[in-house]
Amino acid sequence: MSPLDALWHLIGLFLPALGTALLAAGGAKLLWRAELRRIGWLRLACWPAVAGAATLLGGLVVFGRDGRMVTYGLMLLACALTLWWAGFVRGRP
């Protein structure tokens, strides 16, 4: 495997976590506009992206391969929980 192929594999592994985090943060900013006014969009997107990437890596280690539906379900749960934590628990004055 060439280094370029390895890069594409890593991008393919982490892209679902990044895409889910970006969509979830954008949706949260739209739905809870008043409550999340003081919290930056980047902060709302970074925490779920890290949690989703860690979940995908954990699923790869536990199941031995990428792309299991259980892993994606856990990634969504981790993304939702960290988005709630970053926006509503940690963001309180």
N, C-alpha and C. Protein backbone atom coordinates (compact mmCIF):
# COMPACT_ATOMS: atom_id res chain seq x y z
N MET A 1 0.84 -1.17 0.00
CA MET A 1 0.00 0.00 0.00
C MET A 1 0.89 1.24 0.00
N SER A 2 0.58 2.15 -0.88
CA SER A 2 1.36 3.38 -0.96
C SER A 2 0.91 4.36 0.12
N PRO A 3 1.72 5.37 0.39
CA PRO A 3 1.31 6.37 1.38
C PRO A 3 0.03 7.10 0.97
N LEU A 4 -0.18 7.31 -0.31
CA LEU A 4 -1.41 7.97 -0.76
C LEU A 4 -2.63 7.08 -0.50
N ASP A 5 -2.48 5.78 -0.71
CA ASP A 5 -3.56 4.85 -0.40
C ASP A 5 -3.87 4.83 1.09
N ALA A 6 -2.83 4.87 1.91
CA ALA A 6 -3.03 4.90 3.37
C ALA A 6 -3.75 6.18 3.79
N LEU A 7 -3.41 7.29 3.16
CA LEU A 7 -4.09 8.55 3.46
C LEU A 7 -5.57 8.47 3.10
N TRP A 8 -5.89 7.90 1.95
CA TRP A 8 -7.29 7.76 1.54
C TRP A 8 -8.05 6.84 2.49
N HIS A 9 -7.41 5.81 2.99
CA HIS A 9 -8.04 4.92 3.95
C HIS A 9 -8.33 5.65 5.27
N LEU A 10 -7.39 6.45 5.73
CA LEU A 10 -7.61 7.22 6.96
C LEU A 10 -8.72 8.25 6.78
N ILE A 11 -8.74 8.90 5.64
CA ILE A 11 -9.82 9.86 5.36
C ILE A 11 -11.16 9.15 5.35
N GLY A 12 -11.21 8.00 4.71
CA GLY A 12 -12.46 7.23 4.66
C GLY A 12 -12.89 6.73 6.02
N LEU A 13 -11.94 6.48 6.92
CA LEU A 13 -12.27 6.03 8.26
C LEU A 13 -12.87 7.15 9.09
N PHE A 14 -12.28 8.33 9.02
CA PHE A 14 -12.70 9.43 9.89
C PHE A 14 -13.73 10.36 9.28
N LEU A 15 -14.02 10.27 8.01
CA LEU A 15 -14.99 11.16 7.37
C LEU A 15 -16.41 11.02 7.93
N PRO A 16 -16.90 9.83 8.24
CA PRO A 16 -18.25 9.77 8.85
C PRO A 16 -18.35 10.53 10.18
N ALA A 17 -17.32 10.46 10.98
CA ALA A 17 -17.34 11.17 12.27
C ALA A 17 -17.32 12.68 12.05
N LEU A 18 -16.50 13.14 11.12
CA LEU A 18 -16.42 14.57 10.85
C LEU A 18 -17.72 15.08 10.23
N GLY A 19 -18.26 14.36 9.28
CA GLY A 19 -19.51 14.79 8.65
C GLY A 19 -20.68 14.81 9.62
N THR A 20 -20.76 13.80 10.47
CA THR A 20 -21.83 13.76 11.46
C THR A 20 -21.70 14.92 12.45
N ALA A 21 -20.48 15.21 12.87
CA ALA A 21 -20.27 16.30 13.82
C ALA A 21 -20.62 17.65 13.21
N LEU A 22 -20.24 17.86 11.96
CA LEU A 22 -20.55 19.14 11.31
C LEU A 22 -22.05 19.31 11.11
N LEU A 23 -22.72 18.27 10.66
CA LEU A 23 -24.17 18.36 10.48
C LEU A 23 -24.91 18.53 11.81
N ALA A 24 -24.47 17.82 12.83
CA ALA A 24 -25.13 17.92 14.14
C ALA A 24 -24.92 19.30 14.75
N ALA A 25 -23.73 19.84 14.64
CA ALA A 25 -23.47 21.18 15.19
C ALA A 25 -24.27 22.24 14.45
N GLY A 26 -24.34 22.13 13.14
CA GLY A 26 -25.14 23.08 12.37
C GLY A 26 -26.62 22.98 12.70
N GLY A 27 -27.12 21.78 12.84
CA GLY A 27 -28.52 21.59 13.21
C GLY A 27 -28.83 22.10 14.60
N ALA A 28 -27.91 21.87 15.53
CA ALA A 28 -28.11 22.36 16.90
C ALA A 28 -28.13 23.88 16.94
N LYS A 29 -27.25 24.51 16.18
CA LYS A 29 -27.22 25.97 16.14
C LYS A 29 -28.51 26.52 15.53
N LEU A 30 -29.11 25.81 14.58
CA LEU A 30 -30.37 26.25 14.00
C LEU A 30 -31.54 26.03 14.94
N LEU A 31 -31.61 24.87 15.57
CA LEU A 31 -32.75 24.54 16.42
C LEU A 31 -32.75 25.29 17.74
N TRP A 32 -31.60 25.43 18.36
CA TRP A 32 -31.50 26.10 19.65
C TRP A 32 -30.69 27.38 19.49
N ARG A 33 -31.18 28.25 18.63
CA ARG A 33 -30.48 29.49 18.29
C ARG A 33 -30.26 30.37 19.51
N ALA A 34 -31.27 30.56 20.32
CA ALA A 34 -31.15 31.45 21.48
C ALA A 34 -30.26 30.85 22.57
N GLU A 35 -30.42 29.55 22.82
CA GLU A 35 -29.67 28.92 23.90
C GLU A 35 -28.18 28.79 23.57
N LEU A 36 -27.86 28.59 22.30
CA LEU A 36 -26.47 28.37 21.89
C LEU A 36 -25.84 29.60 21.24
N ARG A 37 -26.43 30.77 21.48
CA ARG A 37 -25.94 32.00 20.85
C ARG A 37 -24.49 32.31 21.24
N ARG A 38 -24.14 32.10 22.51
CA ARG A 38 -22.80 32.46 22.97
C ARG A 38 -21.75 31.41 22.67
N ILE A 39 -22.16 30.24 22.26
CA ILE A 39 -21.21 29.14 22.05
C ILE A 39 -20.83 29.08 20.58
N GLY A 40 -19.55 29.01 20.32
CA GLY A 40 -19.05 29.00 18.95
C GLY A 40 -19.37 27.70 18.21
N TRP A 41 -19.56 27.84 16.92
CA TRP A 41 -19.90 26.69 16.09
C TRP A 41 -18.75 25.69 16.05
N LEU A 42 -17.53 26.19 16.03
CA LEU A 42 -16.36 25.32 15.97
C LEU A 42 -16.26 24.46 17.24
N ARG A 43 -16.55 25.04 18.39
CA ARG A 43 -16.52 24.26 19.63
C ARG A 43 -17.61 23.19 19.64
N LEU A 44 -18.76 23.53 19.08
CA LEU A 44 -19.84 22.55 19.00
C LEU A 44 -19.51 21.42 18.03
N ALA A 45 -18.67 21.67 17.06
CA ALA A 45 -18.33 20.65 16.07
C ALA A 45 -17.10 19.82 16.47
N CYS A 46 -16.16 20.42 17.18
CA CYS A 46 -14.91 19.71 17.50
C CYS A 46 -15.10 18.56 18.48
N TRP A 47 -15.83 18.81 19.56
CA TRP A 47 -16.00 17.76 20.56
C TRP A 47 -16.70 16.53 19.99
N PRO A 48 -17.81 16.66 19.26
CA PRO A 48 -18.43 15.47 18.69
C PRO A 48 -17.56 14.78 17.63
N ALA A 49 -16.75 15.55 16.90
CA ALA A 49 -15.86 14.94 15.91
C ALA A 49 -14.81 14.06 16.58
N VAL A 50 -14.25 14.54 17.67
CA VAL A 50 -13.25 13.76 18.41
C VAL A 50 -13.89 12.51 19.02
N ALA A 51 -15.08 12.67 19.60
CA ALA A 51 -15.76 11.52 20.20
C ALA A 51 -16.15 10.50 19.13
N GLY A 52 -16.61 10.97 17.98
CA GLY A 52 -16.96 10.06 16.90
C GLY A 52 -15.76 9.33 16.34
N ALA A 53 -14.64 10.03 16.20
CA ALA A 53 -13.42 9.39 15.70
C ALA A 53 -12.92 8.34 16.70
N ALA A 54 -12.99 8.65 17.99
CA ALA A 54 -12.57 7.68 19.00
C ALA A 54 -13.49 6.45 18.99
N THR A 55 -14.77 6.67 18.77
CA THR A 55 -15.70 5.56 18.70
C THR A 55 -15.43 4.69 17.48
N LEU A 56 -15.14 5.31 16.35
CA LEU A 56 -14.82 4.53 15.15
C LEU A 56 -13.53 3.73 15.34
N LEU A 57 -12.55 4.32 15.98
CA LEU A 57 -11.31 3.57 16.27
C LEU A 57 -11.57 2.43 17.24
N GLY A 58 -12.40 2.68 18.24
CA GLY A 58 -12.75 1.62 19.19
C GLY A 58 -13.49 0.48 18.51
N GLY A 59 -14.39 0.82 17.60
CA GLY A 59 -15.10 -0.22 16.84
C GLY A 59 -14.18 -1.01 15.95
N LEU A 60 -13.18 -0.34 15.38
CA LEU A 60 -12.19 -1.04 14.55
C LEU A 60 -11.37 -2.01 15.38
N VAL A 61 -11.02 -1.62 16.59
CA VAL A 61 -10.24 -2.49 17.47
C VAL A 61 -11.10 -3.66 17.97
N VAL A 62 -12.31 -3.37 18.40
CA VAL A 62 -13.16 -4.41 18.99
C VAL A 62 -13.63 -5.41 17.94
N PHE A 63 -14.12 -4.91 16.81
CA PHE A 63 -14.71 -5.80 15.81
C PHE A 63 -13.71 -6.26 14.74
N GLY A 64 -12.56 -5.63 14.67
CA GLY A 64 -11.54 -6.07 13.72
C GLY A 64 -11.71 -5.55 12.31
N ARG A 65 -12.77 -4.77 12.07
CA ARG A 65 -12.95 -4.17 10.76
C ARG A 65 -13.83 -2.94 10.89
N ASP A 66 -13.78 -2.13 9.86
CA ASP A 66 -14.52 -0.88 9.84
C ASP A 66 -15.88 -1.09 9.20
N GLY A 67 -16.82 -0.23 9.51
CA GLY A 67 -18.09 -0.23 8.82
C GLY A 67 -19.19 -1.06 9.44
N ARG A 68 -19.05 -1.44 10.70
CA ARG A 68 -20.12 -2.19 11.36
C ARG A 68 -21.22 -1.22 11.78
N MET A 69 -22.46 -1.63 11.66
CA MET A 69 -23.59 -0.75 12.00
C MET A 69 -23.62 -0.44 13.49
N VAL A 70 -23.16 -1.35 14.31
CA VAL A 70 -23.10 -1.10 15.75
C VAL A 70 -22.14 0.06 16.03
N THR A 71 -21.03 0.08 15.33
CA THR A 71 -20.07 1.15 15.50
C THR A 71 -20.65 2.49 15.09
N TYR A 72 -21.36 2.52 13.97
CA TYR A 72 -21.98 3.77 13.52
C TYR A 72 -23.07 4.23 14.49
N GLY A 73 -23.83 3.31 15.04
CA GLY A 73 -24.83 3.68 16.03
C GLY A 73 -24.20 4.26 17.29
N LEU A 74 -23.12 3.64 17.74
CA LEU A 74 -22.40 4.17 18.90
C LEU A 74 -21.76 5.52 18.60
N MET A 75 -21.31 5.70 17.35
CA MET A 75 -20.75 6.98 16.94
C MET A 75 -21.81 8.08 17.02
N LEU A 76 -23.02 7.79 16.58
CA LEU A 76 -24.11 8.77 16.66
C LEU A 76 -24.44 9.09 18.11
N LEU A 77 -24.46 8.09 18.97
CA LEU A 77 -24.73 8.31 20.38
C LEU A 77 -23.63 9.16 21.02
N ALA A 78 -22.38 8.85 20.72
CA ALA A 78 -21.27 9.63 21.27
C ALA A 78 -21.30 11.06 20.75
N CYS A 79 -21.66 11.23 19.50
CA CYS A 79 -21.75 12.58 18.92
C CYS A 79 -22.86 13.37 19.60
N ALA A 80 -24.01 12.76 19.81
CA ALA A 80 -25.12 13.46 20.44
C ALA A 80 -24.81 13.82 21.89
N LEU A 81 -24.19 12.91 22.62
CA LEU A 81 -23.88 13.17 24.02
C LEU A 81 -22.83 14.27 24.17
N THR A 82 -21.80 14.25 23.35
CA THR A 82 -20.78 15.29 23.46
C THR A 82 -21.28 16.63 22.95
N LEU A 83 -22.18 16.62 21.98
CA LEU A 83 -22.78 17.87 21.53
C LEU A 83 -23.64 18.48 22.63
N TRP A 84 -24.41 17.65 23.31
CA TRP A 84 -25.20 18.13 24.45
C TRP A 84 -24.29 18.66 25.55
N TRP A 85 -23.21 17.94 25.84
CA TRP A 85 -22.29 18.36 26.89
C TRP A 85 -21.62 19.69 26.53
N ALA A 86 -21.13 19.80 25.28
CA ALA A 86 -20.42 21.02 24.87
C ALA A 86 -21.36 22.21 24.78
N GLY A 87 -22.61 21.98 24.42
CA GLY A 87 -23.51 23.09 24.23
C GLY A 87 -24.29 23.50 25.44
N PHE A 88 -24.75 22.55 26.21
CA PHE A 88 -25.66 22.88 27.29
C PHE A 88 -25.06 22.72 28.70
N VAL A 89 -24.20 21.77 28.90
CA VAL A 89 -23.62 21.55 30.24
C VAL A 89 -22.39 22.42 30.43
N ARG A 90 -21.45 22.31 29.52
CA ARG A 90 -20.20 23.07 29.64
C ARG A 90 -20.39 24.54 29.27
N GLY A 91 -21.37 24.83 28.45
CA GLY A 91 -21.59 26.20 27.98
C GLY A 91 -22.34 27.10 28.94
N ARG A 92 -22.81 26.58 30.06
CA ARG A 92 -23.54 27.41 31.02
C ARG A 92 -22.61 28.38 31.71
N PRO A 93 -23.13 29.57 32.01
CA PRO A 93 -22.27 30.55 32.70
C PRO A 93 -22.04 30.21 34.15
